[in-house]
C-alpha atoms as a PDB file:
ATOM      1  CA  MET A   1     -15.478  44.799  34.785  1.00  0.00           C
ATOM      2  CA  GLU A   2     -17.319  46.768  37.407  1.00  0.00           C
ATOM      3  CA  GLN A   3     -15.243  47.971  40.313  1.00  0.00           C
ATOM      4  CA  ARG A   4     -17.129  45.878  42.920  1.00  0.00           C
ATOM      5  CA  GLU A   5     -16.576  42.726  40.855  1.00  0.00           C
ATOM      6  CA  LEU A   6     -12.884  43.555  40.648  1.00  0.00           C
ATOM      7  CA  LEU A   7     -12.581  44.138  44.395  1.00  0.00           C
ATOM      8  CA  ASP A   8     -14.508  40.958  45.198  1.00  0.00           C
ATOM      9  CA  PHE A   9     -12.284  38.858  42.926  1.00  0.00           C
ATOM     10  CA  LEU A  10      -9.096  40.370  44.321  1.00  0.00           C
ATOM     11  CA  HIS A  11     -10.394  39.608  47.822  1.00  0.00           C
ATOM     12  CA  ARG A  12     -10.815  35.935  46.848  1.00  0.00           C
ATOM     13  CA  LEU A  13      -7.164  35.843  45.747  1.00  0.00           C
ATOM     14  CA  GLU A  14      -5.783  37.724  48.773  1.00  0.00           C
ATOM     15  CA  CYS A  15      -4.954  34.554  50.692  1.00  0.00           C
ATOM     16  CA  LEU A  16      -2.355  33.687  48.039  1.00  0.00           C
ATOM     17  CA  LYS A  17      -0.225  36.284  49.836  1.00  0.00           C
ATOM     18  CA  THR A  18      -0.266  34.159  52.990  1.00  0.00           C
ATOM     19  CA  ASN A  19      -0.868  30.594  51.748  1.00  0.00           C
ATOM     20  CA  GLY A  20       2.458  28.892  52.286  1.00  0.00           C
ATOM     21  CA  ARG A  21       4.323  26.607  49.941  1.00  0.00           C
ATOM     22  CA  HIS A  22       6.721  23.808  50.730  1.00  0.00           C
ATOM     23  CA  SER A  23       9.735  26.042  50.027  1.00  0.00           C
ATOM     24  CA  THR A  24      11.670  28.213  52.442  1.00  0.00           C
ATOM     25  CA  THR A  25      13.246  31.523  51.460  1.00  0.00           C
ATOM     26  CA  VAL A  26      16.850  32.582  52.027  1.00  0.00           C
ATOM     27  CA  GLY A  27      15.535  34.584  54.987  1.00  0.00           C
ATOM     28  CA  GLY A  28      14.147  31.394  56.527  1.00  0.00           C
ATOM     29  CA  ILE A  29      10.449  32.161  56.077  1.00  0.00           C
ATOM     30  CA  THR A  30       7.933  29.970  54.312  1.00  0.00           C
ATOM     31  CA  GLU A  31       7.529  31.044  50.714  1.00  0.00           C
ATOM     32  CA  THR A  32       3.986  32.072  49.766  1.00  0.00           C
ATOM     33  CA  VAL A  33       2.068  31.113  46.643  1.00  0.00           C
ATOM     34  CA  ALA A  34       2.014  34.784  45.625  1.00  0.00           C
ATOM     35  CA  ALA A  35       5.783  35.102  46.028  1.00  0.00           C
ATOM     36  CA  HIS A  36       6.329  32.049  43.826  1.00  0.00           C
ATOM     37  CA  SER A  37       3.896  33.377  41.195  1.00  0.00           C
ATOM     38  CA  TRP A  38       5.557  36.786  41.252  1.00  0.00           C
ATOM     39  CA  ARG A  39       9.059  35.447  40.704  1.00  0.00           C
ATOM     40  CA  LEU A  40       7.845  32.985  38.084  1.00  0.00           C
ATOM     41  CA  SER A  41       6.302  35.964  36.256  1.00  0.00           C
ATOM     42  CA  VAL A  42       9.558  37.927  36.510  1.00  0.00           C
ATOM     43  CA  LEU A  43      11.444  34.907  35.173  1.00  0.00           C
ATOM     44  CA  ALA A  44       9.064  34.719  32.187  1.00  0.00           C
ATOM     45  CA  LEU A  45       9.353  38.449  31.589  1.00  0.00           C
ATOM     46  CA  LEU A  46      13.146  38.339  31.588  1.00  0.00           C
ATOM     47  CA  ILE A  47      13.533  35.391  29.228  1.00  0.00           C
ATOM     48  CA  ALA A  48      10.614  35.912  26.835  1.00  0.00           C
ATOM     49  CA  SER A  49      12.898  37.527  24.259  1.00  0.00           C
ATOM     50  CA  GLU A  50      14.876  34.266  24.094  1.00  0.00           C
ATOM     51  CA  PHE A  51      11.774  32.695  22.545  1.00  0.00           C
ATOM     52  CA  PRO A  52      10.755  34.904  19.608  1.00  0.00           C
ATOM     53  CA  GLN A  53       8.393  32.199  18.315  1.00  0.00           C
ATOM     54  CA  ILE A  54       6.119  32.443  21.366  1.00  0.00           C
ATOM     55  CA  ASP A  55       3.595  35.029  22.496  1.00  0.00           C
ATOM     56  CA  GLY A  56       5.392  36.587  25.475  1.00  0.00           C
ATOM     57  CA  ASN A  57       2.231  38.304  26.713  1.00  0.00           C
ATOM     58  CA  LYS A  58       0.386  34.984  26.803  1.00  0.00           C
ATOM     59  CA  LEU A  59       3.296  33.344  28.616  1.00  0.00           C
ATOM     60  CA  LEU A  60       3.321  36.088  31.234  1.00  0.00           C
ATOM     61  CA  ARG A  61      -0.454  35.864  31.708  1.00  0.00           C
ATOM     62  CA  MET A  62      -0.154  32.090  32.241  1.00  0.00           C
ATOM     63  CA  CYS A  63       2.497  32.595  34.897  1.00  0.00           C
ATOM     64  CA  VAL A  64       0.468  35.251  36.714  1.00  0.00           C
ATOM     65  CA  ILE A  65      -2.690  33.131  36.955  1.00  0.00           C
ATOM     66  CA  HIS A  66      -1.326  29.585  37.158  1.00  0.00           C
ATOM     67  CA  ASP A  67      -1.896  29.122  40.907  1.00  0.00           C
ATOM     68  CA  PHE A  68      -5.281  30.865  41.251  1.00  0.00           C
ATOM     69  CA  GLY A  69      -6.833  27.566  42.377  1.00  0.00           C
ATOM     70  CA  GLU A  70      -4.552  27.522  45.396  1.00  0.00           C
ATOM     71  CA  ALA A  71      -6.560  30.424  46.804  1.00  0.00           C
ATOM     72  CA  ILE A  72      -9.102  27.712  47.607  1.00  0.00           C
ATOM     73  CA  THR A  73      -7.070  24.499  47.876  1.00  0.00           C
ATOM     74  CA  GLY A  74      -3.821  25.806  49.332  1.00  0.00           C
ATOM     75  CA  ASP A  75      -0.522  24.495  47.996  1.00  0.00           C
ATOM     76  CA  ILE A  76       0.147  20.787  47.729  1.00  0.00           C
ATOM     77  CA  PRO A  77       3.775  19.914  46.936  1.00  0.00           C
ATOM     78  CA  SER A  78       4.161  18.207  43.559  1.00  0.00           C
ATOM     79  CA  PHE A  79       5.567  15.047  45.132  1.00  0.00           C
ATOM     80  CA  LEU A  80       2.353  14.661  47.184  1.00  0.00           C
ATOM     81  CA  LYS A  81      -0.166  15.756  44.537  1.00  0.00           C
ATOM     82  CA  THR A  82      -2.599  13.096  43.302  1.00  0.00           C
ATOM     83  CA  ASP A  83      -5.079  13.043  40.436  1.00  0.00           C
ATOM     84  CA  ALA A  84      -7.785  13.824  43.000  1.00  0.00           C
ATOM     85  CA  HIS A  85      -5.861  16.922  44.107  1.00  0.00           C
ATOM     86  CA  GLU A  86      -5.478  17.995  40.466  1.00  0.00           C
ATOM     87  CA  ALA A  87      -9.235  17.611  39.902  1.00  0.00           C
ATOM     88  CA  THR A  88      -9.984  19.601  43.047  1.00  0.00           C
ATOM     89  CA  GLU A  89      -7.693  22.389  41.870  1.00  0.00           C
ATOM     90  CA  VAL A  90      -9.351  22.458  38.434  1.00  0.00           C
ATOM     91  CA  ASN A  91     -12.748  22.734  40.134  1.00  0.00           C
ATOM     92  CA  ALA A  92     -11.413  25.521  42.363  1.00  0.00           C
ATOM     93  CA  VAL A  93     -10.218  27.479  39.336  1.00  0.00           C
ATOM     94  CA  GLN A  94     -13.561  27.004  37.600  1.00  0.00           C
ATOM     95  CA  SER A  95     -15.481  28.191  40.649  1.00  0.00           C
ATOM     96  CA  LEU A  96     -13.263  31.266  40.985  1.00  0.00           C
ATOM     97  CA  LEU A  97     -13.515  32.160  37.316  1.00  0.00           C
ATOM     98  CA  ALA A  98     -17.288  31.672  37.388  1.00  0.00           C
ATOM     99  CA  THR A  99     -17.468  34.760  39.614  1.00  0.00           C
ATOM    100  CA  LEU A 100     -15.942  36.948  36.903  1.00  0.00           C
ATOM    101  CA  PRO A 101     -17.962  38.751  34.243  1.00  0.00           C
ATOM    102  CA  GLU A 102     -17.346  38.309  30.545  1.00  0.00           C
ATOM    103  CA  PRO A 103     -15.038  38.700  28.745  1.00  0.00           C
ATOM    104  CA  GLN A 104     -12.596  37.968  31.620  1.00  0.00           C
ATOM    105  CA  GLN A 105     -14.303  34.698  32.561  1.00  0.00           C
ATOM    106  CA  GLY A 106     -14.105  33.300  29.044  1.00  0.00           C
ATOM    107  CA  GLU A 107     -10.600  34.582  28.352  1.00  0.00           C
ATOM    108  CA  LEU A 108      -9.118  33.198  31.556  1.00  0.00           C
ATOM    109  CA  SER A 109     -11.025  29.913  31.251  1.00  0.00           C
ATOM    110  CA  ALA A 110      -9.619  29.455  27.747  1.00  0.00           C
ATOM    111  CA  LEU A 111      -6.134  30.270  29.014  1.00  0.00           C
ATOM    112  CA  PHE A 112      -6.398  27.703  31.821  1.00  0.00           C
ATOM    113  CA  SER A 113      -7.633  25.100  29.325  1.00  0.00           C
ATOM    114  CA  GLU A 114      -4.649  25.818  27.092  1.00  0.00           C
ATOM    115  CA  MET A 115      -2.289  25.568  30.059  1.00  0.00           C
ATOM    116  CA  ASP A 116      -3.826  22.281  31.157  1.00  0.00           C
ATOM    117  CA  ALA A 117      -3.625  20.754  27.660  1.00  0.00           C
ATOM    118  CA  LEU A 118       0.085  21.632  27.314  1.00  0.00           C
ATOM    119  CA  GLU A 119      -0.328  21.657  23.536  1.00  0.00           C
ATOM    120  CA  SER A 120       0.975  25.171  22.835  1.00  0.00           C
ATOM    121  CA  LYS A 121       4.618  26.211  23.139  1.00  0.00           C
ATOM    122  CA  GLU A 122       3.552  28.911  25.621  1.00  0.00           C
ATOM    123  CA  ALA A 123       1.864  26.343  27.869  1.00  0.00           C
ATOM    124  CA  ARG A 124       4.842  23.989  27.806  1.00  0.00           C
ATOM    125  CA  LEU A 125       7.238  26.869  28.427  1.00  0.00           C
ATOM    126  CA  TYR A 126       5.173  28.149  31.377  1.00  0.00           C
ATOM    127  CA  LYS A 127       5.073  24.632  32.861  1.00  0.00           C
ATOM    128  CA  ALA A 128       8.837  24.233  32.558  1.00  0.00           C
ATOM    129  CA  LEU A 129       9.443  27.640  34.135  1.00  0.00           C
ATOM    130  CA  ASP A 130       6.997  26.891  36.965  1.00  0.00           C
ATOM    131  CA  LYS A 131       8.908  23.764  37.903  1.00  0.00           C
ATOM    132  CA  MET A 132      12.284  25.395  37.399  1.00  0.00           C
ATOM    133  CA  GLU A 133      11.414  28.298  39.700  1.00  0.00           C
ATOM    134  CA  ALA A 134      10.735  25.758  42.452  1.00  0.00           C
ATOM    135  CA  VAL A 135      14.177  24.214  41.895  1.00  0.00           C
ATOM    136  CA  ILE A 136      15.796  27.658  42.006  1.00  0.00           C
ATOM    137  CA  GLN A 137      14.004  28.401  45.295  1.00  0.00           C
ATOM    138  CA  HIS A 138      15.138  25.142  46.850  1.00  0.00           C
ATOM    139  CA  ASN A 139      18.704  25.799  45.715  1.00  0.00           C
ATOM    140  CA  GLU A 140      18.498  29.129  47.545  1.00  0.00           C
ATOM    141  CA  SER A 141      16.981  27.750  50.739  1.00  0.00           C
ATOM    142  CA  ASP A 142      18.954  26.241  53.588  1.00  0.00           C
ATOM    143  CA  ILE A 143      19.566  22.592  52.763  1.00  0.00           C
ATOM    144  CA  SER A 144      18.402  21.659  56.274  1.00  0.00           C
ATOM    145  CA  THR A 145      14.854  22.461  55.059  1.00  0.00           C
ATOM    146  CA  TRP A 146      15.033  19.802  52.329  1.00  0.00           C
ATOM    147  CA  LEU A 147      13.261  16.497  52.753  1.00  0.00           C
ATOM    148  CA  PRO A 148      15.381  13.405  51.981  1.00  0.00           C
ATOM    149  CA  LEU A 149      13.541  12.838  48.676  1.00  0.00           C
ATOM    150  CA  GLU A 150      14.417  16.376  47.551  1.00  0.00           C
ATOM    151  CA  TYR A 151      18.107  15.555  47.157  1.00  0.00           C
ATOM    152  CA  GLU A 152      17.166  13.457  44.118  1.00  0.00           C
ATOM    153  CA  LEU A 153      14.198  15.595  43.078  1.00  0.00           C
ATOM    154  CA  GLN A 154      16.388  18.705  42.865  1.00  0.00           C
ATOM    155  CA  GLN A 155      18.514  16.869  40.309  1.00  0.00           C
ATOM    156  CA  THR A 156      15.652  15.624  38.108  1.00  0.00           C
ATOM    157  CA  TYR A 157      12.674  17.965  38.521  1.00  0.00           C
ATOM    158  CA  ALA A 158      11.849  19.907  35.329  1.00  0.00           C
ATOM    159  CA  VAL A 159      14.644  18.291  33.301  1.00  0.00           C
ATOM    160  CA  GLU A 160      12.153  16.709  30.900  1.00  0.00           C
ATOM    161  CA  ASN A 161      10.101  19.932  30.668  1.00  0.00           C
ATOM    162  CA  ALA A 162      13.190  22.005  29.917  1.00  0.00           C
ATOM    163  CA  SER A 163      14.548  19.605  27.287  1.00  0.00           C
ATOM    164  CA  GLU A 164      12.271  20.994  24.544  1.00  0.00           C
ATOM    165  CA  PHE A 165      13.868  24.430  24.793  1.00  0.00           C
ATOM    166  CA  PRO A 166      17.670  24.744  24.293  1.00  0.00           C
ATOM    167  CA  TYR A 167      17.857  27.922  26.415  1.00  0.00           C
ATOM    168  CA  LEU A 168      16.044  26.212  29.297  1.00  0.00           C
ATOM    169  CA  LYS A 169      18.077  23.047  28.885  1.00  0.00           C
ATOM    170  CA  GLU A 170      21.251  25.083  29.488  1.00  0.00           C
ATOM    171  CA  LEU A 171      19.633  26.953  32.376  1.00  0.00           C
ATOM    172  CA  ARG A 172      18.548  23.665  33.955  1.00  0.00           C
ATOM    173  CA  ALA A 173      22.112  22.353  33.641  1.00  0.00           C
ATOM    174  CA  LEU A 174      23.362  25.387  35.589  1.00  0.00           C
ATOM    175  CA  MET A 175      20.690  24.780  38.208  1.00  0.00           C
ATOM    176  CA  LEU A 176      21.851  21.156  38.516  1.00  0.00           C
ATOM    177  CA  ALA A 177      25.422  22.335  39.044  1.00  0.00           C
ATOM    178  CA  ASP A 178      24.164  24.633  41.818  1.00  0.00           C
ATOM    179  CA  THR A 179      22.264  21.725  43.402  1.00  0.00           C
ATOM    180  CA  LEU A 180      25.278  19.421  43.322  1.00  0.00           C
ATOM    181  CA  GLU A 181      27.497  22.138  44.783  1.00  0.00           C
ATOM    182  CA  LYS A 182      24.993  22.751  47.595  1.00  0.00           C
ATOM    183  CA  ILE A 183      24.841  19.024  48.399  1.00  0.00           C
ATOM    184  CA  GLU A 184      28.637  18.758  48.349  1.00  0.00           C
ATOM    185  CA  GLN A 185      29.035  21.768  50.653  1.00  0.00           C
ATOM    186  CA  ALA A 186      26.531  20.222  53.083  1.00  0.00           C
ATOM    187  CA  LYS A 187      28.533  16.979  53.104  1.00  0.00           C
ATOM    188  CA  GLU A 188      31.765  18.887  53.762  1.00  0.00           C
ATOM    189  CA  LYS A 189      30.179  20.723  56.709  1.00  0.00           C
ATOM    190  CA  LYS A 190      29.161  17.398  58.272  1.00  0.00           C
ATOM    191  CA  SER A 191      32.655  15.953  58.031  1.00  0.00           C
END
């Protein structure tokens, strides 16, 4: 890749550093798409050895690129996302990748297709981790930032995705315990 192409592509992704997500950090600021992608990537890096049957490099690459489309669309919380939003995000990814030279364009397009199909273990693992990172973030945020629907969503989100992987199933159970404890502590404060 020529240096100008690299700089131009990085410029297109720069807004991921400032595009906000629905989540709030422990420090009370709106989480950015880039911050979510970074921690998701760290999560994948740290647990990849628990899954010797998967390609850890592919998993990490999926986590790094998974929200590229949000450089164009911005973040839409999962509980608001429609099929039309999904299609718009797919088109955004395609338009971004079309600006890359080969072989990067073809490699990343193939990776996005694999992620979208959810047929490989790596794709299903990335998807579970993506959802689980959002639950972790909400468990860390002040409960006053939660919407009413999130009390239930925090208890169910990613459970089905994690169920395929025993390690993630146990991790998700711990996350549920953290959620229930947070809800209980909030109730105790009110009384």
